Amino acid sequence: MKPLLKLATASIPDNGGELILYRREDEFSIRLSGVRGELMNSRVYNSEQELAKLGCAHIHDKPRAQVLVGGLGMGYTLAAALACVSANSRVTVAELIPEVVTWNLGPLGECAGKPLEDNRCQVRLGDIAVLIKQQQPEFDAILLDVDNGPEGLTHNNNNWLYSADGLMALFRSLRPQGMLAVWSAGADTVFPAQLKKAGFSVTVRSVRARPGKGSRYTIFLAKKP
């Protein structure tokens, strides 16, 4: 087996630590300094694809749909969202860390099929919380693959997204019948009640890391009336 090569690092704002990009042959991984295990691996991405498929199922044939993806990661959620929407739709991806965009524009982007090169995609660099606070109700779907889910791991400011104020701002950012889909590393019995309090109807789905096998993750589907 060939060695694991350290390719690049990126600092997370507000003392969130450091992201480290590794490569072994055609496999990439992203890790967080001081935390055991991987945040992401280019061979394990089914849950990210399911996030987009479930969150965008209602707009598959809708013309000029608008989708917001929170967190670029390795591009799998973005790629799946682009595959779900029409040719004249727009998918905006908000990414806090510029280096993650750079990595996806390089060899890492080949893993998900280089979704950043799709002309329906636009990148907004910066904190998605800032974008949400400024946003008018124009999105048909918001897909949050930010951090570890409702309990932030890499960036404490992500916790605002899952607070009462954050959920209300997300609610306002959606068009009627819009869908908020939230990826989470684990189950959460409190979060669905918080979503309902913000005005959403809620469904909870369990998905696997790989099709039919691997770790289980949770996707919260919150629909605006």
Protein backbone atom coordinates (compact mmCIF):
# COMPACT_ATOMS: atom_id res chain seq x y z
CA MET A 1 0.00 0.00 0.00
CA LYS A 2 1.30 3.41 -0.91
CA PRO A 3 1.86 5.93 1.91
CA LEU A 4 -0.65 8.55 2.98
CA LEU A 5 0.56 11.90 1.65
CA LYS A 6 -0.18 15.22 3.30
CA LEU A 7 -1.13 17.61 0.50
CA ALA A 8 -2.31 20.83 2.13
CA THR A 9 -3.65 22.50 5.25
CA ALA A 10 -6.22 25.22 5.92
CA SER A 11 -6.96 27.20 9.06
CA ILE A 12 -10.55 27.31 10.26
CA PRO A 13 -11.59 30.84 11.33
CA ASP A 14 -12.10 31.75 14.99
CA ASN A 15 -9.61 29.20 16.30
CA GLY A 16 -11.51 26.27 14.85
CA GLY A 17 -8.34 24.30 14.29
CA GLU A 18 -6.79 23.15 11.05
CA LEU A 19 -8.11 21.07 8.16
CA ILE A 20 -5.61 18.71 6.56
CA LEU A 21 -5.97 17.23 3.09
CA TYR A 22 -4.40 13.82 2.48
CA ARG A 23 -4.09 11.56 -0.56
CA ARG A 24 -3.29 7.87 -1.00
CA GLU A 25 -3.28 6.88 -4.69
CA ASP A 26 -6.75 7.92 -5.94
CA GLU A 27 -8.27 8.27 -2.44
CA PHE A 28 -8.54 11.62 -0.65
CA SER A 29 -9.36 12.36 2.97
CA ILE A 30 -9.86 15.50 5.03
CA ARG A 31 -9.08 15.48 8.74
CA LEU A 32 -9.32 17.94 11.58
CA SER A 33 -6.25 18.57 13.71
CA GLY A 34 -6.58 17.13 17.19
CA VAL A 35 -9.50 14.85 16.27
CA ARG A 36 -9.11 11.13 15.63
CA GLY A 37 -10.43 9.76 12.37
CA GLU A 38 -11.54 11.45 9.19
CA LEU A 39 -14.07 14.19 8.59
CA MET A 40 -14.48 13.11 4.97
CA ASN A 41 -13.24 10.40 2.63
CA SER A 42 -13.63 10.37 -1.13
CA ARG A 43 -14.79 6.74 -1.08
CA VAL A 44 -17.59 7.28 1.44
CA TYR A 45 -20.18 9.75 0.20
CA ASN A 46 -23.60 8.10 -0.06
CA SER A 47 -25.06 10.14 2.83
CA GLU A 48 -24.00 13.40 1.16
CA GLN A 49 -25.70 12.33 -2.07
CA GLU A 50 -28.84 11.30 -0.18
CA LEU A 51 -28.95 14.72 1.48
CA ALA A 52 -29.26 16.35 -1.94
CA LYS A 53 -31.63 13.77 -3.40
CA LEU A 54 -34.02 13.98 -0.47
CA GLY A 55 -33.77 17.75 -0.17
CA CYS A 56 -34.32 18.38 -3.89
CA ALA A 57 -36.83 15.63 -4.74
CA HIS A 58 -39.70 18.13 -4.86
CA ILE A 59 -38.01 20.38 -7.46
CA HIS A 60 -36.69 17.78 -9.90
CA ASP A 61 -38.71 19.20 -12.80
CA LYS A 62 -39.15 22.77 -11.58
CA PRO A 63 -37.80 25.43 -13.95
CA ARG A 64 -35.41 28.02 -12.53
CA ALA A 65 -35.19 26.38 -9.13
CA GLN A 66 -32.83 27.94 -6.59
CA VAL A 67 -30.81 25.73 -4.25
CA LEU A 68 -28.38 26.69 -1.50
CA VAL A 69 -25.74 24.18 -0.36
CA GLY A 70 -24.08 24.96 2.95
CA GLY A 71 -20.58 23.48 2.94
CA LEU A 72 -18.65 22.34 -0.13
CA GLY A 73 -16.71 19.48 1.46
CA MET A 74 -15.55 17.15 -1.30
CA GLY A 75 -18.28 18.33 -3.66
CA TYR A 76 -20.58 15.30 -3.47
CA THR A 77 -23.62 17.17 -2.11
CA LEU A 78 -23.16 19.89 -4.71
CA ALA A 79 -22.79 17.38 -7.54
CA ALA A 80 -25.90 15.47 -6.46
CA ALA A 81 -27.91 18.70 -6.18
CA LEU A 82 -26.89 19.71 -9.71
CA ALA A 83 -28.01 16.29 -10.94
CA CYS A 84 -31.42 16.82 -9.31
CA VAL A 85 -32.35 20.17 -10.86
CA SER A 86 -33.26 21.45 -14.31
CA ALA A 87 -30.89 22.93 -16.86
CA ASN A 88 -31.88 26.51 -16.06
CA SER A 89 -31.71 26.19 -12.27
CA ARG A 90 -29.07 27.68 -10.00
CA VAL A 91 -27.16 25.98 -7.18
CA THR A 92 -25.23 28.27 -4.84
CA VAL A 93 -22.65 26.73 -2.53
CA ALA A 94 -21.51 28.67 0.52
CA GLU A 95 -18.05 27.71 1.79
CA LEU A 96 -16.27 29.28 4.74
CA ILE A 97 -12.73 28.17 3.92
CA PRO A 98 -11.20 29.38 0.62
CA GLU A 99 -8.69 26.53 0.51
CA VAL A 100 -11.52 23.99 0.33
CA VAL A 101 -12.68 25.63 -2.88
CA THR A 102 -9.11 25.56 -4.20
CA TRP A 103 -8.82 21.85 -3.40
CA ASN A 104 -12.07 21.15 -5.26
CA LEU A 105 -10.82 23.08 -8.27
CA GLY A 106 -7.77 20.80 -8.29
CA PRO A 107 -7.46 17.00 -8.35
CA LEU A 108 -9.94 16.57 -5.46
CA GLY A 109 -12.70 17.87 -7.73
CA GLU A 110 -12.39 14.85 -9.99
CA CYS A 111 -13.89 12.64 -7.27
CA ALA A 112 -17.33 14.24 -7.56
CA GLY A 113 -17.06 15.00 -11.28
CA LYS A 114 -15.84 18.60 -10.98
CA PRO A 115 -19.20 20.15 -10.04
CA LEU A 116 -17.68 23.62 -9.64
CA GLU A 117 -17.24 23.71 -13.41
CA ASP A 118 -21.00 23.39 -13.98
CA ASN A 119 -22.32 26.73 -15.26
CA ARG A 120 -25.37 26.40 -12.98
CA CYS A 121 -23.11 26.58 -9.92
CA GLN A 122 -21.92 29.68 -8.12
CA VAL A 123 -19.66 29.88 -5.07
CA ARG A 124 -20.16 32.26 -2.17
CA LEU A 125 -17.08 32.43 0.03
CA GLY A 126 -17.80 33.14 3.65
CA ASP A 127 -19.96 32.11 6.58
CA ILE A 128 -23.33 30.77 5.45
CA ALA A 129 -24.85 32.34 8.57
CA VAL A 130 -24.06 35.80 7.18
CA LEU A 131 -25.65 34.88 3.86
CA ILE A 132 -28.79 33.55 5.54
CA LYS A 133 -29.18 36.67 7.67
CA GLN A 134 -29.16 38.82 4.54
CA GLN A 135 -31.24 36.54 2.34
CA GLN A 136 -34.69 37.18 0.91
CA PRO A 137 -37.06 34.18 0.53
CA GLU A 138 -35.78 32.87 -2.78
CA PHE A 139 -34.54 29.32 -2.26
CA ASP A 140 -36.55 26.20 -3.09
CA ALA A 141 -34.13 23.99 -1.14
CA ILE A 142 -31.39 24.56 1.42
CA LEU A 143 -29.01 21.68 2.01
CA LEU A 144 -26.90 22.00 5.15
CA ASP A 145 -23.85 19.76 5.16
CA VAL A 146 -22.18 22.08 7.64
CA ASP A 147 -19.91 20.76 10.34
CA ASN A 148 -21.18 17.73 12.29
CA GLY A 149 -24.86 18.63 12.20
CA PRO A 150 -26.79 20.44 14.96
CA GLU A 151 -23.80 20.09 17.29
CA GLY A 152 -20.88 21.93 15.69
CA LEU A 153 -17.41 20.38 15.67
CA THR A 154 -15.15 22.61 13.61
CA HIS A 155 -16.64 26.10 13.83
CA ASN A 156 -18.57 27.32 16.86
CA ASN A 157 -20.42 29.94 14.85
CA ASN A 158 -22.17 27.10 13.03
CA ASN A 159 -24.23 26.59 16.17
CA TRP A 160 -26.18 29.76 15.32
CA LEU A 161 -27.66 28.01 12.27
CA TYR A 162 -29.35 25.49 14.54
CA SER A 163 -30.51 27.99 17.15
CA ALA A 164 -34.05 29.38 17.27
CA ASP A 165 -32.94 32.55 15.47
CA GLY A 166 -30.99 30.59 12.87
CA LEU A 167 -33.87 28.25 12.08
CA MET A 168 -36.24 31.20 11.72
CA ALA A 169 -33.79 32.85 9.31
CA LEU A 170 -33.57 29.61 7.31
CA PHE A 171 -37.37 29.43 7.27
CA ARG A 172 -37.57 32.97 5.89
CA SER A 173 -34.97 32.16 3.23
CA LEU A 174 -37.16 29.46 1.69
CA ARG A 175 -39.97 29.94 -0.76
CA PRO A 176 -43.36 28.40 0.11
CA GLN A 177 -43.13 24.59 -0.10
CA GLY A 178 -39.34 24.91 0.17
CA MET A 179 -37.29 22.22 1.86
CA LEU A 180 -34.51 22.49 4.44
CA ALA A 181 -32.40 19.31 4.60
CA VAL A 182 -29.85 18.98 7.41
CA TRP A 183 -27.12 16.30 7.55
CA SER A 184 -26.19 15.08 11.01
CA ALA A 185 -23.58 12.61 12.21
CA GLY A 186 -26.07 11.24 14.74
CA ALA A 187 -29.67 11.19 15.88
CA ASP A 188 -31.09 14.13 17.83
CA THR A 189 -34.39 13.94 19.68
CA VAL A 190 -34.57 17.67 20.41
CA PHE A 191 -33.79 19.13 17.00
CA PRO A 192 -37.07 18.06 15.28
CA ALA A 193 -39.05 19.92 17.94
CA GLN A 194 -36.94 23.02 17.35
CA LEU A 195 -37.64 22.78 13.61
CA LYS A 196 -41.38 22.46 14.23
CA LYS A 197 -41.29 25.47 16.54
CA ALA A 198 -39.74 27.48 13.68
CA GLY A 199 -42.74 26.58 11.49
CA PHE A 200 -41.54 23.52 9.58
CA SER A 201 -43.16 20.14 9.15
CA VAL A 202 -40.47 17.54 9.85
CA THR A 203 -39.45 14.10 8.62
CA VAL A 204 -36.37 12.25 9.86
CA ARG A 205 -34.49 9.80 7.66
CA SER A 206 -31.61 7.45 8.39
CA VAL A 207 -29.06 6.89 5.63
CA ARG A 208 -25.91 4.80 5.30
CA ALA A 209 -22.34 5.88 4.61
CA ARG A 210 -22.27 3.49 1.64
CA PRO A 211 -25.25 2.13 -0.30
CA GLY A 212 -26.77 -0.50 1.97
CA LYS A 213 -23.90 -0.62 4.47
CA GLY A 214 -21.59 1.36 6.68
CA SER A 215 -22.26 3.89 9.44
CA ARG A 216 -25.71 5.39 9.82
CA TYR A 217 -26.29 9.13 9.62
CA THR A 218 -29.40 11.25 10.06
CA ILE A 219 -31.03 13.66 7.64
CA PHE A 220 -33.67 16.05 8.93
CA LEU A 221 -36.15 17.13 6.25
CA ALA A 222 -38.01 20.30 7.21
CA LYS A 223 -40.66 21.61 4.81
CA LYS A 224 -42.01 25.14 4.79
CA PRO A 225 -45.81 25.31 4.36
